[in-house]
Amino acid sequence: QRGDGETIHAVIWYSDLRGSTRMADALPRDDYIRTLNDYFECAGGAVLAHDGEILGFIGDAVLAIFPVDGNPEATTRACERALAACREAQSRLAAVNLRRREKGEDQLAFGLALHLGNVLFGNIGLPERVSFSVIGSTVNEVARLEALTKELGRQILATGAFAGHTSIMWDNLGRHQLRGVGAPLEVLSPAEQ
């Protein structure tokens, strides 16, 4: 039913294909759709392979979650699964780009943001058309954070809330004021990039 939902704690994944507007203008329709699907198989396929849930394909973006069932160990496991999905998405993209290079096609790239927080998980929309998704400030923040990947020149960004539950080394990029977000967020990027 519309309006049904619950607040859950989760890792939020938001990734976006780079250069998609240019590709949409330049490529024949079928080639563009194939390109989008190649990207979705990289990003979305990696999310599913690591027990995440894809909530939607928004244009050329992937919105997904890795739910947390409440204890600190579960939070760490969800964050580590999301990081493993990042690495797999990068590996899948490298394979796709090798194939595209052999065909003389443009290389694909994406930006990715990871955040951790509470979201409203439920049914929203119209009585005639309901969508099951997540909403709330955490979702807005992760989308704004992904946009920052272009400005900072980093493929993957995470908030301090997410990075603090992982075992890898991070580059701290400082606190950033994101558009439409009240307080500045601590922004980090994997040191391995």
C-alpha atoms as a PDB file:
ATOM      1  CA  GLN A   1       0.000   0.000   0.000  1.00  0.00           C
ATOM      2  CA  ARG A   2       1.098   3.552  -0.680  1.00  0.00           C
ATOM      3  CA  GLY A   3       2.525   5.056   2.488  1.00  0.00           C
ATOM      4  CA  ASP A   4       3.651   1.733   3.972  1.00  0.00           C
ATOM      5  CA  GLY A   5       7.248   1.821   5.086  1.00  0.00           C
ATOM      6  CA  GLU A   6       9.787   1.608   7.834  1.00  0.00           C
ATOM      7  CA  THR A   7      12.955   3.380   8.877  1.00  0.00           C
ATOM      8  CA  ILE A   8      16.021   1.229   8.332  1.00  0.00           C
ATOM      9  CA  HIS A   9      19.755   1.674   8.782  1.00  0.00           C
ATOM     10  CA  ALA A  10      21.695   0.991   5.587  1.00  0.00           C
ATOM     11  CA  VAL A  11      24.673   1.702   3.408  1.00  0.00           C
ATOM     12  CA  ILE A  12      23.462   3.772   0.450  1.00  0.00           C
ATOM     13  CA  TRP A  13      25.194   3.381  -2.945  1.00  0.00           C
ATOM     14  CA  TYR A  14      24.736   5.960  -5.669  1.00  0.00           C
ATOM     15  CA  SER A  15      26.728   5.637  -8.891  1.00  0.00           C
ATOM     16  CA  ASP A  16      26.458   7.580 -12.118  1.00  0.00           C
ATOM     17  CA  LEU A  17      27.790   6.976 -15.628  1.00  0.00           C
ATOM     18  CA  ARG A  18      30.148   9.717 -16.849  1.00  0.00           C
ATOM     19  CA  GLY A  19      29.607  11.433 -20.204  1.00  0.00           C
ATOM     20  CA  SER A  20      26.161   9.941 -20.746  1.00  0.00           C
ATOM     21  CA  THR A  21      24.614  13.144 -22.126  1.00  0.00           C
ATOM     22  CA  ARG A  22      27.310  13.352 -24.804  1.00  0.00           C
ATOM     23  CA  MET A  23      26.876   9.656 -25.611  1.00  0.00           C
ATOM     24  CA  ALA A  24      23.089   9.996 -25.814  1.00  0.00           C
ATOM     25  CA  ASP A  25      23.534  12.773 -28.376  1.00  0.00           C
ATOM     26  CA  ALA A  26      26.277  11.051 -30.392  1.00  0.00           C
ATOM     27  CA  LEU A  27      25.339   7.366 -30.428  1.00  0.00           C
ATOM     28  CA  PRO A  28      22.568   5.624 -32.344  1.00  0.00           C
ATOM     29  CA  ARG A  29      19.726   4.640 -29.992  1.00  0.00           C
ATOM     30  CA  ASP A  30      20.579   0.925 -29.857  1.00  0.00           C
ATOM     31  CA  ASP A  31      24.262   1.626 -29.194  1.00  0.00           C
ATOM     32  CA  TYR A  32      23.373   3.998 -26.377  1.00  0.00           C
ATOM     33  CA  ILE A  33      21.029   1.468 -24.758  1.00  0.00           C
ATOM     34  CA  ARG A  34      23.724  -1.204 -25.049  1.00  0.00           C
ATOM     35  CA  THR A  35      26.206   1.178 -23.428  1.00  0.00           C
ATOM     36  CA  LEU A  36      23.823   1.885 -20.540  1.00  0.00           C
ATOM     37  CA  ASN A  37      23.235  -1.827 -20.045  1.00  0.00           C
ATOM     38  CA  ASP A  38      26.999  -2.494 -20.061  1.00  0.00           C
ATOM     39  CA  TYR A  39      27.367   0.062 -17.270  1.00  0.00           C
ATOM     40  CA  PHE A  40      24.386  -1.278 -15.313  1.00  0.00           C
ATOM     41  CA  GLU A  41      25.855  -4.792 -15.508  1.00  0.00           C
ATOM     42  CA  CYS A  42      29.091  -3.443 -14.036  1.00  0.00           C
ATOM     43  CA  ALA A  43      27.621  -1.389 -11.203  1.00  0.00           C
ATOM     44  CA  GLY A  44      24.314  -3.125 -10.554  1.00  0.00           C
ATOM     45  CA  GLY A  45      25.738  -6.588 -11.142  1.00  0.00           C
ATOM     46  CA  ALA A  46      28.448  -5.935  -8.546  1.00  0.00           C
ATOM     47  CA  VAL A  47      25.857  -4.730  -6.017  1.00  0.00           C
ATOM     48  CA  LEU A  48      23.795  -7.907  -6.443  1.00  0.00           C
ATOM     49  CA  ALA A  49      26.897 -10.114  -6.278  1.00  0.00           C
ATOM     50  CA  HIS A  50      27.618  -8.737  -2.795  1.00  0.00           C
ATOM     51  CA  ASP A  51      24.084  -9.032  -1.397  1.00  0.00           C
ATOM     52  CA  GLY A  52      23.032  -5.451  -1.990  1.00  0.00           C
ATOM     53  CA  GLU A  53      19.576  -4.464  -3.215  1.00  0.00           C
ATOM     54  CA  ILE A  54      19.088  -2.315  -6.312  1.00  0.00           C
ATOM     55  CA  LEU A  55      16.266   0.137  -5.723  1.00  0.00           C
ATOM     56  CA  GLY A  56      16.303   1.800  -9.085  1.00  0.00           C
ATOM     57  CA  PHE A  57      17.992   2.851 -12.266  1.00  0.00           C
ATOM     58  CA  ILE A  58      17.540   6.612 -12.383  1.00  0.00           C
ATOM     59  CA  GLY A  59      18.470   7.664 -15.885  1.00  0.00           C
ATOM     60  CA  ASP A  60      22.087   6.503 -15.947  1.00  0.00           C
ATOM     61  CA  ALA A  61      22.453   6.202 -12.161  1.00  0.00           C
ATOM     62  CA  VAL A  62      22.182   3.200  -9.844  1.00  0.00           C
ATOM     63  CA  LEU A  63      20.594   3.616  -6.407  1.00  0.00           C
ATOM     64  CA  ALA A  64      21.149   0.657  -4.111  1.00  0.00           C
ATOM     65  CA  ILE A  65      21.343  -0.269  -0.447  1.00  0.00           C
ATOM     66  CA  PHE A  66      23.166  -2.732   1.766  1.00  0.00           C
ATOM     67  CA  PRO A  67      20.814  -3.053   4.775  1.00  0.00           C
ATOM     68  CA  VAL A  68      22.173  -3.214   8.322  1.00  0.00           C
ATOM     69  CA  ASP A  69      20.354  -5.314  10.897  1.00  0.00           C
ATOM     70  CA  GLY A  70      21.308  -3.213  13.899  1.00  0.00           C
ATOM     71  CA  ASN A  71      24.533  -4.284  15.607  1.00  0.00           C
ATOM     72  CA  PRO A  72      28.041  -2.842  15.052  1.00  0.00           C
ATOM     73  CA  GLU A  73      29.324  -6.058  13.455  1.00  0.00           C
ATOM     74  CA  ALA A  74      26.458  -5.966  10.929  1.00  0.00           C
ATOM     75  CA  THR A  75      27.311  -2.353  10.090  1.00  0.00           C
ATOM     76  CA  THR A  76      30.924  -3.288   9.396  1.00  0.00           C
ATOM     77  CA  ARG A  77      29.841  -6.272   7.271  1.00  0.00           C
ATOM     78  CA  ALA A  78      27.471  -4.099   5.198  1.00  0.00           C
ATOM     79  CA  CYS A  79      30.191  -1.474   4.634  1.00  0.00           C
ATOM     80  CA  GLU A  80      32.752  -4.132   3.673  1.00  0.00           C
ATOM     81  CA  ARG A  81      30.254  -5.732   1.253  1.00  0.00           C
ATOM     82  CA  ALA A  82      29.674  -2.345  -0.365  1.00  0.00           C
ATOM     83  CA  LEU A  83      33.450  -1.828  -0.725  1.00  0.00           C
ATOM     84  CA  ALA A  84      33.818  -5.292  -2.255  1.00  0.00           C
ATOM     85  CA  ALA A  85      31.054  -4.365  -4.701  1.00  0.00           C
ATOM     86  CA  CYS A  86      32.994  -1.170  -5.588  1.00  0.00           C
ATOM     87  CA  ARG A  87      36.101  -3.196  -6.401  1.00  0.00           C
ATOM     88  CA  GLU A  88      34.078  -5.663  -8.450  1.00  0.00           C
ATOM     89  CA  ALA A  89      32.336  -2.843 -10.349  1.00  0.00           C
ATOM     90  CA  GLN A  90      35.754  -1.398 -11.207  1.00  0.00           C
ATOM     91  CA  SER A  91      36.995  -4.824 -12.338  1.00  0.00           C
ATOM     92  CA  ARG A  92      33.892  -5.418 -14.460  1.00  0.00           C
ATOM     93  CA  LEU A  93      34.268  -1.965 -15.998  1.00  0.00           C
ATOM     94  CA  ALA A  94      37.914  -2.659 -16.878  1.00  0.00           C
ATOM     95  CA  ALA A  95      36.802  -5.796 -18.759  1.00  0.00           C
ATOM     96  CA  VAL A  96      34.035  -3.875 -20.563  1.00  0.00           C
ATOM     97  CA  ASN A  97      36.481  -1.115 -21.497  1.00  0.00           C
ATOM     98  CA  LEU A  98      38.944  -3.642 -22.893  1.00  0.00           C
ATOM     99  CA  ARG A  99      36.212  -4.978 -25.163  1.00  0.00           C
ATOM    100  CA  ARG A 100      35.142  -1.448 -26.109  1.00  0.00           C
ATOM    101  CA  ARG A 101      38.759  -0.463 -26.882  1.00  0.00           C
ATOM    102  CA  GLU A 102      39.094  -3.425 -29.233  1.00  0.00           C
ATOM    103  CA  LYS A 103      35.997  -2.181 -31.080  1.00  0.00           C
ATOM    104  CA  GLY A 104      37.239   1.420 -31.196  1.00  0.00           C
ATOM    105  CA  GLU A 105      34.502   2.612 -28.818  1.00  0.00           C
ATOM    106  CA  ASP A 106      34.789   5.259 -26.108  1.00  0.00           C
ATOM    107  CA  GLN A 107      35.849   4.152 -22.650  1.00  0.00           C
ATOM    108  CA  LEU A 108      33.253   4.191 -19.856  1.00  0.00           C
ATOM    109  CA  ALA A 109      33.725   5.671 -16.400  1.00  0.00           C
ATOM    110  CA  PHE A 110      31.517   6.244 -13.399  1.00  0.00           C
ATOM    111  CA  GLY A 111      31.412   8.188 -10.144  1.00  0.00           C
ATOM    112  CA  LEU A 112      30.308   6.443  -6.950  1.00  0.00           C
ATOM    113  CA  ALA A 113      29.316   7.651  -3.502  1.00  0.00           C
ATOM    114  CA  LEU A 114      28.802   5.597  -0.344  1.00  0.00           C
ATOM    115  CA  HIS A 115      27.019   6.780   2.776  1.00  0.00           C
ATOM    116  CA  LEU A 116      25.611   5.219   5.918  1.00  0.00           C
ATOM    117  CA  GLY A 117      22.484   6.303   7.737  1.00  0.00           C
ATOM    118  CA  ASN A 118      18.789   5.946   8.332  1.00  0.00           C
ATOM    119  CA  VAL A 119      16.382   5.974   5.415  1.00  0.00           C
ATOM    120  CA  LEU A 120      12.643   5.584   5.026  1.00  0.00           C
ATOM    121  CA  PHE A 121      12.190   2.355   3.072  1.00  0.00           C
ATOM    122  CA  GLY A 122       8.717   2.023   1.633  1.00  0.00           C
ATOM    123  CA  ASN A 123       6.028   2.655  -0.960  1.00  0.00           C
ATOM    124  CA  ILE A 124       5.657   6.133  -2.395  1.00  0.00           C
ATOM    125  CA  GLY A 125       3.914   7.602  -5.414  1.00  0.00           C
ATOM    126  CA  LEU A 126       0.340   7.754  -6.682  1.00  0.00           C
ATOM    127  CA  PRO A 127      -2.524   5.396  -5.879  1.00  0.00           C
ATOM    128  CA  GLU A 128      -2.320   4.224  -9.516  1.00  0.00           C
ATOM    129  CA  ARG A 129       1.505   3.897  -9.554  1.00  0.00           C
ATOM    130  CA  VAL A 130       3.459   2.993  -6.433  1.00  0.00           C
ATOM    131  CA  SER A 131       7.237   2.710  -6.286  1.00  0.00           C
ATOM    132  CA  PHE A 132       9.212   0.911  -3.575  1.00  0.00           C
ATOM    133  CA  SER A 133      12.245   3.039  -2.740  1.00  0.00           C
ATOM    134  CA  VAL A 134      14.196   4.900  -0.081  1.00  0.00           C
ATOM    135  CA  ILE A 135      13.786   8.544   0.813  1.00  0.00           C
ATOM    136  CA  GLY A 136      15.244  10.907   3.363  1.00  0.00           C
ATOM    137  CA  SER A 137      18.209  13.167   3.985  1.00  0.00           C
ATOM    138  CA  THR A 138      20.733  10.303   3.699  1.00  0.00           C
ATOM    139  CA  VAL A 139      19.591   9.633   0.121  1.00  0.00           C
ATOM    140  CA  ASN A 140      19.863  13.337  -0.777  1.00  0.00           C
ATOM    141  CA  GLU A 141      23.332  13.489   0.778  1.00  0.00           C
ATOM    142  CA  VAL A 142      24.689  10.479  -1.138  1.00  0.00           C
ATOM    143  CA  ALA A 143      23.421  11.856  -4.460  1.00  0.00           C
ATOM    144  CA  ARG A 144      25.070  15.239  -3.744  1.00  0.00           C
ATOM    145  CA  LEU A 145      28.260  13.439  -2.686  1.00  0.00           C
ATOM    146  CA  GLU A 146      28.401  11.551  -5.989  1.00  0.00           C
ATOM    147  CA  ALA A 147      28.209  14.879  -7.843  1.00  0.00           C
ATOM    148  CA  LEU A 148      31.281  15.971  -5.866  1.00  0.00           C
ATOM    149  CA  THR A 149      33.340  13.142  -7.444  1.00  0.00           C
ATOM    150  CA  LYS A 150      33.619  15.268 -10.607  1.00  0.00           C
ATOM    151  CA  GLU A 151      34.812  18.358  -8.735  1.00  0.00           C
ATOM    152  CA  LEU A 152      37.352  16.459  -6.615  1.00  0.00           C
ATOM    153  CA  GLY A 153      38.536  14.211  -9.445  1.00  0.00           C
ATOM    154  CA  ARG A 154      37.976  11.014  -7.474  1.00  0.00           C
ATOM    155  CA  GLN A 155      35.980   8.043  -8.739  1.00  0.00           C
ATOM    156  CA  ILE A 156      34.799   6.929  -5.290  1.00  0.00           C
ATOM    157  CA  LEU A 157      33.834   9.114  -2.355  1.00  0.00           C
ATOM    158  CA  ALA A 158      32.456   8.151   1.036  1.00  0.00           C
ATOM    159  CA  THR A 159      31.299   9.931   4.128  1.00  0.00           C
ATOM    160  CA  GLY A 160      33.058   9.604   7.458  1.00  0.00           C
ATOM    161  CA  ALA A 161      30.005   7.704   8.711  1.00  0.00           C
ATOM    162  CA  PHE A 162      30.703   4.983   6.131  1.00  0.00           C
ATOM    163  CA  ALA A 163      34.519   4.995   6.100  1.00  0.00           C
ATOM    164  CA  GLY A 164      34.721   4.584   9.879  1.00  0.00           C
ATOM    165  CA  HIS A 165      33.326   1.054   9.556  1.00  0.00           C
ATOM    166  CA  THR A 166      35.896  -0.217   7.057  1.00  0.00           C
ATOM    167  CA  SER A 167      39.431  -1.591   7.249  1.00  0.00           C
ATOM    168  CA  ILE A 168      41.034   0.166   4.244  1.00  0.00           C
ATOM    169  CA  MET A 169      43.119   3.343   4.239  1.00  0.00           C
ATOM    170  CA  TRP A 170      41.314   6.534   3.261  1.00  0.00           C
ATOM    171  CA  ASP A 171      42.426   9.967   2.060  1.00  0.00           C
ATOM    172  CA  ASN A 172      40.562  12.576   4.091  1.00  0.00           C
ATOM    173  CA  LEU A 173      39.439  15.295   1.676  1.00  0.00           C
ATOM    174  CA  GLY A 174      38.042  17.551   4.392  1.00  0.00           C
ATOM    175  CA  ARG A 175      34.551  18.704   5.203  1.00  0.00           C
ATOM    176  CA  HIS A 176      32.419  19.813   2.274  1.00  0.00           C
ATOM    177  CA  GLN A 177      29.172  21.738   2.125  1.00  0.00           C
ATOM    178  CA  LEU A 178      26.921  19.850  -0.271  1.00  0.00           C
ATOM    179  CA  ARG A 179      24.093  21.598  -2.108  1.00  0.00           C
ATOM    180  CA  GLY A 180      20.837  21.259  -0.201  1.00  0.00           C
ATOM    181  CA  VAL A 181      22.506  19.653   2.826  1.00  0.00           C
ATOM    182  CA  GLY A 182      22.496  21.476   6.177  1.00  0.00           C
ATOM    183  CA  ALA A 183      25.838  20.657   7.789  1.00  0.00           C
ATOM    184  CA  PRO A 184      29.127  20.011   5.974  1.00  0.00           C
ATOM    185  CA  LEU A 185      30.033  16.323   5.628  1.00  0.00           C
ATOM    186  CA  GLU A 186      33.409  14.704   6.129  1.00  0.00           C
ATOM    187  CA  VAL A 187      34.438  13.367   2.688  1.00  0.00           C
ATOM    188  CA  LEU A 188      36.980  10.607   2.087  1.00  0.00           C
ATOM    189  CA  SER A 189      38.291   8.651  -0.850  1.00  0.00           C
ATOM    190  CA  PRO A 190      40.036   5.267  -0.872  1.00  0.00           C
ATOM    191  CA  ALA A 191      43.798   5.760  -0.640  1.00  0.00           C
ATOM    192  CA  GLU A 192      44.239   2.891  -3.103  1.00  0.00           C
ATOM    193  CA  GLN A 193      42.762   4.946  -6.001  1.00  0.00           C
END
